[in-house]
Amino acid sequence: MALSCSRFFRFLRSIAEPVLAIVGFSCLLTFIFILYQPTPGPGISQKVGWQSWDSVSSVGNSTTPEDVSVDTDWWNVSYPGDEPSDTSSYPLDYWAPFLPHDTGLSEITIERCMFSPEFAGIDLCAPETTVEKDAVKGKWVRVERDLNMQSGLWSLNLYYRRTRRLDVPLITEFKLLPSGEEPGTRTDMWFKVKRSIRDGVVRQKPLYLWYKIGKAMNEMTTEEKQQIITEVDVLFGEDRPWYGFEKVEPAVTPEKDGVIESVYVTYRRGVKPVPHAPPLHFSQDGKFKILQVADLHFSVSRGECRDTDISPCYASDNLTSTLLGHVLDAEKPDMVVFTGDQLNGQGTSWDPKSVLAKFASEVIDRSIPWAAVFGNHDDENGAVRAEQLKMMQALPYSLVERGPKDIHGVGNYVLKVRSGDSSATHLLTLYFIDSGAYSQGYFDWFGYFFPTEYDWIHQDQIDWFLGESALIYPIERPYTPQTTSDLGDIWRRQSDQLPPTTRKLAKPNALMFFHIPLQESYGTPDIDQRTGLPLDIGTSLEGSGAAKKSDGMFEKGLLAALETDHRSGAAIPEVKAVANGHCHVIEDCKRIKDVWLCFGGGGSYSGYGRVGFDRRFRVYEISDYGETIRTYKRSEHDEILNDYILAGQGAAPYNSQWK
């Protein structure tokens, strides 16, 4: 018996070793190929580019230049976020006209109220309903736009129901008809809203809203689903409605020149995705052009001409848009930057949304990416900056960003322009800063605010800028484009590309955009060491528009952020030029301590100017893959003014005394 037990245990020991080895090896393979998920660290979140280290996204399924076919430009591919979002998560009981709803409306009505819900804090005049109707047709949603904002004895709002149910018939058409008229035979499923859409407006004949009910969603074809009405809004003024919306004719309230602006009901059919701007990039030959548009001063109305010899001059906003369209066609910029005072304020842009719907229309129609900063007039009336910024972000080809919320201003952000080759190397930095509006003022007896001092760029914004600058990786400059794959047998150069005589490791050149100029913009310019002449190019026909106070943006910000921190490098500022607006008849570029401070000059007939001083727009043409920065202005008569090289080959040398 003892012998048998001994043999049995020896048998177990003999098979235990191979069994444990097999089990252990299987667990190891399971861990390596199934359970192990590496955590992205600093090395994984970067890639070595052609001449620099670039940050890349560590999000799964992201598109990087390496993922793109060699026959496809890297900026012409889809990126995460371009795909349609899940519309089932959109709220049904909240008015959100910027959301691309694909759910239809089942009913619409009009209600009046003696107390505007915006002031009462609660909707006291919502239409009557029942739980059963809410469950089938959806809850009532108020369109937060008062039809009687300019006139009328009380507030008047549109209300609609929205539903996701597939068996509820949906609205497919609107009509506005006077009393006694009908849109067609009653078998067409037309329904009349009982209350006149002009209710409360004196000396105006009643006008009634009719809506047509079509099929339920489960009965529609794909084409029919694109014809249902998915959103309703209100437009003030005679200009174009918001992107994707159409007007319902006639006007709810007709225009009375100089007295009252027209009011329109607008609607959107189906889903109208807002086109996104492609990533900013240089052309294959290393060029990138920016058009600066300063001080449009648009209003809800069509605008009033100021200080121009054009006669007759009517609808200045429209004239300015036509001029801007002409300049865009002549210059063909890669990007447009609006440098503040897009809105006139001063009591004429009381509905910012209607003004923002038109200010960038010429740029949007040409599919040009654009960015913007705020000026001192933009939020004098109506929506505050944070609300206006959301509106601008909802427009096509917008690159506007909110920026950090814990510092002064709305719209402090950075954009990067990359190379056109497959390395997508960062070659140009664009800084955008909110220079504020007013720091002091007083209210009169009627509640109107009268400013006395301009705002300035605050210390927390300077710290933010220095922090963003510190995050930018240096590259080998001048940049040499990647003309073949890293895995190729040889490096091929273009036949006309000569080896540079001097190379350095430094941050890419940068431009900065904000509205109110710095005090230094009116200082003594540098001297061109080649000619002995001051570096002040252009015309200045008005006094200082800078703030009286300063936290030192020029000395502590612009002069502190250098191309390189290496001791052997010269103390050359990273930001080569600052682009301002604000002063309409100052359009010079002045170099102060190696930084160019430039004005855009007034480009709008709606803003103040001077008779004989042409409206104009400043152009920044960046070439040689970011090394050379050239600027000039194009006037309303197509004159090219003050063509000058700010940085790069042919520019005035930097002053060694400021090293």
Foldseek 3Di string as FASTA:
>chain_A
DVVVVVVVVVVVVVVPVVVVVVVVVVVVVCCVPPVDDDDDDPVNQWDQFPWWIDGHDPDPPADALVNDDQVDFSLPDDGPPPDQDDLVPDDFAEADVLRQHLWFWQDKAKWWDADQCVVVVDPPIFDDDDPVCCVPRNDKHWANDFQQPQHFNTTMTMIIGTDPDQQGWGWQDKAKAFPPDDPDDVVQQKDKHPAFLLHRGPPDGGIIMIIGTDGGNVPDDPVVSQRGWHHKHKAWADDDAAPQKDWHDDFSAPDDPPRGTTMTIITHGGGDDFAAAGAAAAPQQFKAKEWEAEAAADFSYLFDFAAEPDPPDDSQSVVLLVLVLVVCVVPVGQEYEYAENLHNAPPGRQPVLNSLRPSCVSVVVVSHAYEYEYEQRNPNHHDDPVVVQVSQVSHHNYPFDQPDPPADDGGFDKGFYFYRRSSRHGAEIETEDEQAHADDWDADPVGRTDGDFGGGHDPVSLVVLLVVLVPFFWTKPPDADQPDDPPDPDGDHDPPDDDDPDIDTWGHAYEYGHAADAPCLPPFFDAQPVPRHFQKFFDDDDDHRHTPDYPCCVNSHQQVRARDPDPVDASAGRYAEYEYEHRQAGAMWGHDQRHIYGYQHHQTSNDYDHYVRFRKMKMWMAGSNRFWTWIWIQTSVRDTGRTAIRGHPPHRDGDRVSD
